């Protein structure tokens, strides 16, 4: 076995992971991130009240809103892909599957039949 001087790949990755973990612990340990979330900008300690939309929590409608027609292509026409395509079509009006792709032509034909029956 040839012993080379220097650092090998395993040692480099271990050192890089340790440095990254130490940096993360140092940031969280300082409390600056956590304390900035619990107080208002004025510093009086009052809780910040934000709307769900400001926090990125949107309510999802049962059906997609009306708008421009939306088209999609399906790659993988097996049972999971066909099921996902059927859910897509049932999500609202103006939705179309325009392209199908699969390695097996029989799956693509079966998917096309199911989608035509659902949309027809």
N, C-alpha and C. Protein backbone atom coordinates (compact mmCIF):
# COMPACT_ATOMS: atom_id res chain seq x y z
N UNK A 1 0.83 -1.17 0.00
CA UNK A 1 0.00 0.00 0.00
C UNK A 1 0.88 1.23 0.00
N UNK A 2 0.53 2.19 -0.80
CA UNK A 2 1.32 3.39 -0.98
C UNK A 2 0.83 4.47 -0.04
N UNK A 3 1.65 4.90 0.91
CA UNK A 3 1.28 5.97 1.83
C UNK A 3 1.72 7.31 1.26
N UNK A 4 0.75 8.14 0.91
CA UNK A 4 1.06 9.46 0.38
C UNK A 4 0.88 10.48 1.49
N UNK A 5 1.70 11.50 1.47
CA UNK A 5 1.55 12.57 2.44
C UNK A 5 0.52 13.56 1.91
N UNK A 6 -0.21 14.15 2.82
CA UNK A 6 -1.23 15.11 2.42
C UNK A 6 -2.59 14.64 2.90
N UNK A 7 -3.62 15.22 2.34
CA UNK A 7 -4.98 14.92 2.77
C UNK A 7 -5.68 14.13 1.66
N UNK A 8 -6.42 13.11 2.07
CA UNK A 8 -7.16 12.35 1.07
C UNK A 8 -8.61 12.84 1.03
N UNK A 9 -9.36 12.30 0.13
CA UNK A 9 -10.73 12.75 -0.08
C UNK A 9 -11.59 12.55 1.16
N UNK A 10 -11.48 11.42 1.82
CA UNK A 10 -12.28 11.15 3.02
C UNK A 10 -11.97 12.15 4.13
N UNK A 11 -10.70 12.45 4.33
CA UNK A 11 -10.31 13.42 5.36
C UNK A 11 -10.83 14.81 5.02
N UNK A 12 -10.77 15.16 3.74
CA UNK A 12 -11.26 16.47 3.31
C UNK A 12 -12.76 16.60 3.57
N UNK A 13 -13.53 15.59 3.18
CA UNK A 13 -14.98 15.64 3.38
C UNK A 13 -15.34 15.67 4.86
N UNK A 14 -14.63 14.91 5.68
CA UNK A 14 -14.88 14.91 7.12
C UNK A 14 -14.60 16.29 7.71
N UNK A 15 -13.49 16.90 7.32
CA UNK A 15 -13.14 18.23 7.82
C UNK A 15 -14.16 19.27 7.37
N UNK A 16 -14.57 19.20 6.12
CA UNK A 16 -15.55 20.17 5.61
C UNK A 16 -16.88 20.03 6.33
N UNK A 17 -17.31 18.80 6.61
CA UNK A 17 -18.56 18.58 7.33
C UNK A 17 -18.48 19.12 8.75
N UNK A 18 -17.35 18.92 9.41
CA UNK A 18 -17.16 19.42 10.78
C UNK A 18 -17.19 20.94 10.82
N UNK A 19 -16.56 21.58 9.85
CA UNK A 19 -16.56 23.05 9.80
C UNK A 19 -17.97 23.57 9.55
N UNK A 20 -18.69 22.93 8.63
CA UNK A 20 -20.07 23.34 8.36
C UNK A 20 -20.97 23.18 9.57
N UNK A 21 -20.82 22.07 10.29
CA UNK A 21 -21.63 21.85 11.49
C UNK A 21 -21.29 22.86 12.57
N UNK A 22 -20.03 23.17 12.73
CA UNK A 22 -19.62 24.14 13.74
C UNK A 22 -20.17 25.52 13.41
N UNK A 23 -20.21 25.88 12.14
CA UNK A 23 -20.77 27.18 11.74
C UNK A 23 -22.25 27.25 12.02
N UNK A 24 -22.96 26.17 11.80
CA UNK A 24 -24.40 26.14 12.05
C UNK A 24 -24.69 26.26 13.54
N UNK A 25 -23.97 25.53 14.35
CA UNK A 25 -24.16 25.57 15.80
C UNK A 25 -23.84 26.95 16.33
N UNK A 26 -22.80 27.59 15.79
CA UNK A 26 -22.42 28.93 16.23
C UNK A 26 -23.50 29.95 15.92
N UNK A 27 -24.14 29.82 14.76
CA UNK A 27 -25.19 30.76 14.38
C UNK A 27 -26.41 30.59 15.26
N UNK A 28 -26.84 29.36 15.48
CA UNK A 28 -28.03 29.11 16.29
C UNK A 28 -27.74 29.38 17.76
N UNK A 29 -26.54 29.07 18.20
CA UNK A 29 -26.19 29.27 19.59
C UNK A 29 -26.15 30.73 19.99
N UNK A 30 -25.91 31.63 19.06
CA UNK A 30 -25.83 33.04 19.42
C UNK A 30 -27.18 33.61 19.78
N UNK A 31 -28.24 32.98 19.32
CA UNK A 31 -29.58 33.42 19.67
C UNK A 31 -30.08 34.58 18.84
N UNK A 32 -29.26 35.11 17.95
CA UNK A 32 -29.70 36.26 17.16
C UNK A 32 -30.82 35.89 16.21
N UNK A 33 -30.75 34.70 15.66
CA UNK A 33 -31.81 34.29 14.74
C UNK A 33 -33.11 34.07 15.50
N UNK A 34 -33.05 33.38 16.61
CA UNK A 34 -34.27 33.09 17.37
C UNK A 34 -34.86 34.31 18.02
N UNK A 35 -34.03 35.19 18.53
CA UNK A 35 -34.56 36.38 19.21
C UNK A 35 -35.19 37.35 18.23
N UNK A 36 -34.71 37.37 16.99
CA UNK A 36 -35.28 38.30 16.01
C UNK A 36 -36.69 37.88 15.61
N UNK A 37 -37.05 36.62 15.81
CA UNK A 37 -38.39 36.15 15.47
C UNK A 37 -39.40 36.41 16.58
N UNK A 38 -38.94 36.60 17.80
CA UNK A 38 -39.87 36.70 18.92
C UNK A 38 -40.22 38.12 19.32
N UNK A 39 -39.53 39.10 18.82
CA UNK A 39 -39.84 40.48 19.23
C UNK A 39 -40.19 41.32 18.01
N UNK A 40 -40.87 42.41 18.25
CA UNK A 40 -41.25 43.29 17.15
C UNK A 40 -40.07 44.17 16.77
N UNK A 41 -40.24 44.89 15.68
CA UNK A 41 -39.17 45.76 15.20
C UNK A 41 -38.88 46.88 16.19
N UNK A 42 -39.87 47.28 16.98
CA UNK A 42 -39.66 48.37 17.93
C UNK A 42 -38.92 47.91 19.18
N UNK A 43 -38.82 46.59 19.38
CA UNK A 43 -38.08 46.07 20.51
C UNK A 43 -38.87 46.00 21.79
N UNK A 44 -40.20 46.19 21.74
CA UNK A 44 -40.99 46.16 22.97
C UNK A 44 -41.40 44.75 23.39
N UNK A 45 -41.01 43.75 22.62
CA UNK A 45 -41.30 42.38 22.99
C UNK A 45 -42.68 41.90 22.57
N UNK A 46 -43.48 42.73 21.92
CA UNK A 46 -44.81 42.33 21.47
C UNK A 46 -44.67 41.36 20.32
N UNK A 47 -45.61 40.45 20.22
CA UNK A 47 -45.56 39.46 19.14
C UNK A 47 -45.96 40.11 17.82
N UNK A 48 -45.28 39.70 16.77
CA UNK A 48 -45.59 40.19 15.44
C UNK A 48 -46.77 39.39 14.91
N UNK A 49 -47.77 40.08 14.42
CA UNK A 49 -48.92 39.40 13.85
C UNK A 49 -48.87 39.56 12.35
N UNK A 50 -48.82 38.44 11.65
CA UNK A 50 -48.81 38.45 10.19
C UNK A 50 -49.96 37.61 9.69
N UNK A 51 -50.43 37.96 8.52
CA UNK A 51 -51.51 37.20 7.92
C UNK A 51 -50.95 35.87 7.40
N UNK A 52 -51.80 34.87 7.22
CA UNK A 52 -51.31 33.60 6.67
C UNK A 52 -50.66 33.78 5.30
N UNK A 53 -51.16 34.71 4.49
CA UNK A 53 -50.57 34.94 3.17
C UNK A 53 -49.15 35.50 3.30
N UNK A 54 -48.91 36.37 4.29
CA UNK A 54 -47.57 36.91 4.50
C UNK A 54 -46.59 35.82 4.95
N UNK A 55 -47.11 34.80 5.61
CA UNK A 55 -46.27 33.70 6.06
C UNK A 55 -46.12 32.61 5.01
N UNK A 56 -46.76 32.80 3.84
CA UNK A 56 -46.65 31.81 2.77
C UNK A 56 -47.62 30.66 2.90
N UNK A 57 -48.66 30.82 3.73
CA UNK A 57 -49.65 29.76 3.91
C UNK A 57 -50.92 30.20 3.19
N UNK A 58 -51.14 29.65 2.04
CA UNK A 58 -52.30 30.03 1.24
C UNK A 58 -53.35 28.94 1.34
N UNK A 59 -54.60 29.33 1.33
CA UNK A 59 -55.66 28.34 1.30
C UNK A 59 -55.86 27.93 -0.15
N UNK A 60 -56.01 26.66 -0.35
CA UNK A 60 -56.16 26.14 -1.69
C UNK A 60 -57.63 25.88 -1.98
N UNK A 61 -58.08 26.39 -3.10
CA UNK A 61 -59.46 26.18 -3.49
C UNK A 61 -59.64 24.73 -3.93
N UNK A 62 -60.87 24.27 -3.88
CA UNK A 62 -61.14 22.90 -4.29
C UNK A 62 -60.94 22.73 -5.79
N UNK A 63 -61.23 23.75 -6.55
CA UNK A 63 -61.03 23.74 -8.00
C UNK A 63 -60.07 24.85 -8.38
N UNK A 64 -59.36 24.65 -9.48
CA UNK A 64 -58.43 25.67 -9.96
C UNK A 64 -59.22 26.89 -10.43
N UNK A 65 -58.72 28.09 -10.20
CA UNK A 65 -59.44 29.29 -10.62
C UNK A 65 -59.46 29.39 -12.14
N UNK A 66 -60.48 30.07 -12.65
CA UNK A 66 -60.57 30.29 -14.10
C UNK A 66 -59.44 31.21 -14.53
N UNK A 67 -58.98 30.99 -15.72
CA UNK A 67 -57.89 31.81 -16.25
C UNK A 67 -57.47 31.26 -17.59
N UNK A 68 -56.24 31.49 -17.95
CA UNK A 68 -55.71 30.97 -19.20
C UNK A 68 -55.76 29.44 -19.18
N UNK A 69 -56.00 28.83 -20.34
CA UNK A 69 -55.93 27.36 -20.39
C UNK A 69 -54.53 26.88 -20.02
N UNK A 70 -54.49 25.80 -19.27
CA UNK A 70 -53.23 25.25 -18.80
C UNK A 70 -53.05 23.87 -19.41
N UNK A 71 -51.91 23.65 -20.06
CA UNK A 71 -51.63 22.36 -20.68
C UNK A 71 -50.45 21.70 -19.99
N UNK A 72 -50.43 20.37 -20.07
CA UNK A 72 -49.34 19.61 -19.46
C UNK A 72 -49.02 18.41 -20.33
N UNK A 73 -47.83 17.90 -20.18
CA UNK A 73 -47.42 16.66 -20.82
C UNK A 73 -47.16 15.63 -19.74
N UNK A 74 -47.37 14.37 -20.08
CA UNK A 74 -47.18 13.28 -19.12
C UNK A 74 -46.06 12.38 -19.59
N UNK A 75 -45.07 12.20 -18.75
CA UNK A 75 -43.98 11.26 -19.02
C UNK A 75 -44.12 10.14 -18.01
N UNK A 76 -44.38 8.94 -18.50
CA UNK A 76 -44.62 7.79 -17.64
C UNK A 76 -46.10 7.53 -17.52
N UNK A 77 -46.63 6.69 -18.38
CA UNK A 77 -48.07 6.48 -18.49
C UNK A 77 -48.53 5.23 -17.74
N UNK A 78 -47.81 4.82 -16.73
CA UNK A 78 -48.25 3.69 -15.91
C UNK A 78 -49.40 4.11 -15.01
N UNK A 79 -49.66 3.33 -13.99
CA UNK A 79 -50.81 3.63 -13.13
C UNK A 79 -50.63 4.92 -12.34
N UNK A 80 -49.43 5.20 -11.86
CA UNK A 80 -49.21 6.45 -11.11
C UNK A 80 -49.32 7.67 -12.02
N UNK A 81 -48.71 7.61 -13.17
CA UNK A 81 -48.77 8.73 -14.10
C UNK A 81 -50.18 8.98 -14.59
N UNK A 82 -50.91 7.92 -14.92
CA UNK A 82 -52.29 8.07 -15.38
C UNK A 82 -53.15 8.64 -14.28
N UNK A 83 -52.97 8.17 -13.06
CA UNK A 83 -53.73 8.71 -11.92
C UNK A 83 -53.45 10.19 -11.70
N UNK A 84 -52.18 10.58 -11.81
CA UNK A 84 -51.82 11.99 -11.64
C UNK A 84 -52.44 12.83 -12.75
N UNK A 85 -52.45 12.31 -13.97
CA UNK A 85 -53.05 13.04 -15.09
C UNK A 85 -54.55 13.20 -14.89
N UNK A 86 -55.22 12.16 -14.39
CA UNK A 86 -56.66 12.25 -14.12
C UNK A 86 -56.95 13.28 -13.02
N UNK A 87 -56.11 13.32 -11.99
CA UNK A 87 -56.27 14.32 -10.94
C UNK A 87 -56.05 15.73 -11.50
N UNK A 88 -55.09 15.88 -12.37
CA UNK A 88 -54.83 17.17 -13.00
C UNK A 88 -56.05 17.63 -13.77
N UNK A 89 -56.64 16.74 -14.57
CA UNK A 89 -57.80 17.11 -15.38
C UNK A 89 -59.02 17.44 -14.53
N UNK A 90 -59.15 16.81 -13.38
CA UNK A 90 -60.31 17.06 -12.53
C UNK A 90 -60.13 18.28 -11.63
N UNK A 91 -58.98 18.96 -11.70
CA UNK A 91 -58.70 20.08 -10.82
C UNK A 91 -59.38 21.37 -11.26
N UNK A 92 -59.92 21.43 -12.45
CA UNK A 92 -60.58 22.66 -12.88
C UNK A 92 -60.90 22.64 -14.35
N UNK A 93 -61.38 23.78 -14.82
CA UNK A 93 -61.73 23.93 -16.24
C UNK A 93 -60.52 24.44 -17.01
N UNK A 94 -60.50 24.17 -18.31
CA UNK A 94 -59.43 24.68 -19.16
C UNK A 94 -58.10 23.97 -18.98
N UNK A 95 -58.12 22.73 -18.52
CA UNK A 95 -56.89 21.95 -18.32
C UNK A 95 -56.83 20.85 -19.37
N UNK A 96 -55.66 20.69 -20.01
CA UNK A 96 -55.50 19.68 -21.05
C UNK A 96 -54.17 18.97 -20.91
N UNK A 97 -54.18 17.69 -21.22
CA UNK A 97 -52.94 16.91 -21.37
C UNK A 97 -52.66 16.88 -22.87
N UNK A 98 -51.55 17.45 -23.30
CA UNK A 98 -51.27 17.55 -24.73
C UNK A 98 -50.28 16.52 -25.24
N UNK A 99 -49.44 15.97 -24.38
CA UNK A 99 -48.43 15.02 -24.83
C UNK A 99 -48.33 13.86 -23.85
N UNK A 100 -48.12 12.67 -24.39
CA UNK A 100 -47.89 11.47 -23.59
C UNK A 100 -46.58 10.84 -24.03
N UNK A 101 -45.84 10.31 -23.06
CA UNK A 101 -44.59 9.62 -23.39
C UNK A 101 -44.40 8.46 -22.42
N UNK A 102 -44.03 7.32 -22.96
CA UNK A 102 -43.73 6.14 -22.16
C UNK A 102 -42.85 5.21 -22.97
N UNK A 103 -42.09 4.40 -22.30
CA UNK A 103 -41.23 3.44 -22.96
C UNK A 103 -42.05 2.32 -23.60
N UNK A 104 -43.20 2.01 -22.99
CA UNK A 104 -44.04 0.92 -23.47
C UNK A 104 -45.26 1.48 -24.19
N UNK A 105 -45.42 1.20 -25.48
CA UNK A 105 -46.55 1.75 -26.25
C UNK A 105 -47.92 1.31 -25.72
N UNK A 106 -48.01 0.11 -25.15
CA UNK A 106 -49.31 -0.34 -24.64
C UNK A 106 -49.77 0.49 -23.44
N UNK A 107 -48.85 0.90 -22.59
CA UNK A 107 -49.21 1.77 -21.47
C UNK A 107 -49.68 3.13 -21.95
N UNK A 108 -49.01 3.64 -22.98
CA UNK A 108 -49.40 4.93 -23.52
C UNK A 108 -50.81 4.85 -24.13
N UNK A 109 -51.10 3.78 -24.83
CA UNK A 109 -52.43 3.61 -25.43
C UNK A 109 -53.50 3.48 -24.35
N UNK A 110 -53.20 2.72 -23.30
CA UNK A 110 -54.15 2.56 -22.19
C UNK A 110 -54.41 3.90 -21.50
N UNK A 111 -53.36 4.66 -21.28
CA UNK A 111 -53.49 5.97 -20.65
C UNK A 111 -54.33 6.89 -21.53
N UNK A 112 -54.08 6.89 -22.83
CA UNK A 112 -54.83 7.73 -23.75
C UNK A 112 -56.31 7.40 -23.70
N UNK A 113 -56.64 6.10 -23.63
CA UNK A 113 -58.04 5.69 -23.55
C UNK A 113 -58.69 6.17 -22.26
N UNK A 114 -58.00 6.03 -21.14
CA UNK A 114 -58.56 6.46 -19.85
C UNK A 114 -58.75 7.97 -19.81
N UNK A 115 -57.79 8.71 -20.34
CA UNK A 115 -57.90 10.17 -20.35
C UNK A 115 -59.02 10.64 -21.28
N UNK A 116 -59.18 9.97 -22.42
CA UNK A 116 -60.26 10.32 -23.33
C UNK A 116 -61.62 10.03 -22.72
N UNK A 117 -61.74 8.92 -22.01
CA UNK A 117 -63.01 8.57 -21.35
C UNK A 117 -63.34 9.58 -20.25
N UNK A 118 -62.33 10.04 -19.53
CA UNK A 118 -62.56 10.99 -18.44
C UNK A 118 -62.93 12.36 -18.98
N UNK A 119 -62.25 12.81 -19.99
CA UNK A 119 -62.46 14.15 -20.52
C UNK A 119 -63.67 14.20 -21.46
N UNK A 120 -64.00 13.08 -22.08
CA UNK A 120 -65.07 13.03 -23.07
C UNK A 120 -66.41 13.13 -22.50
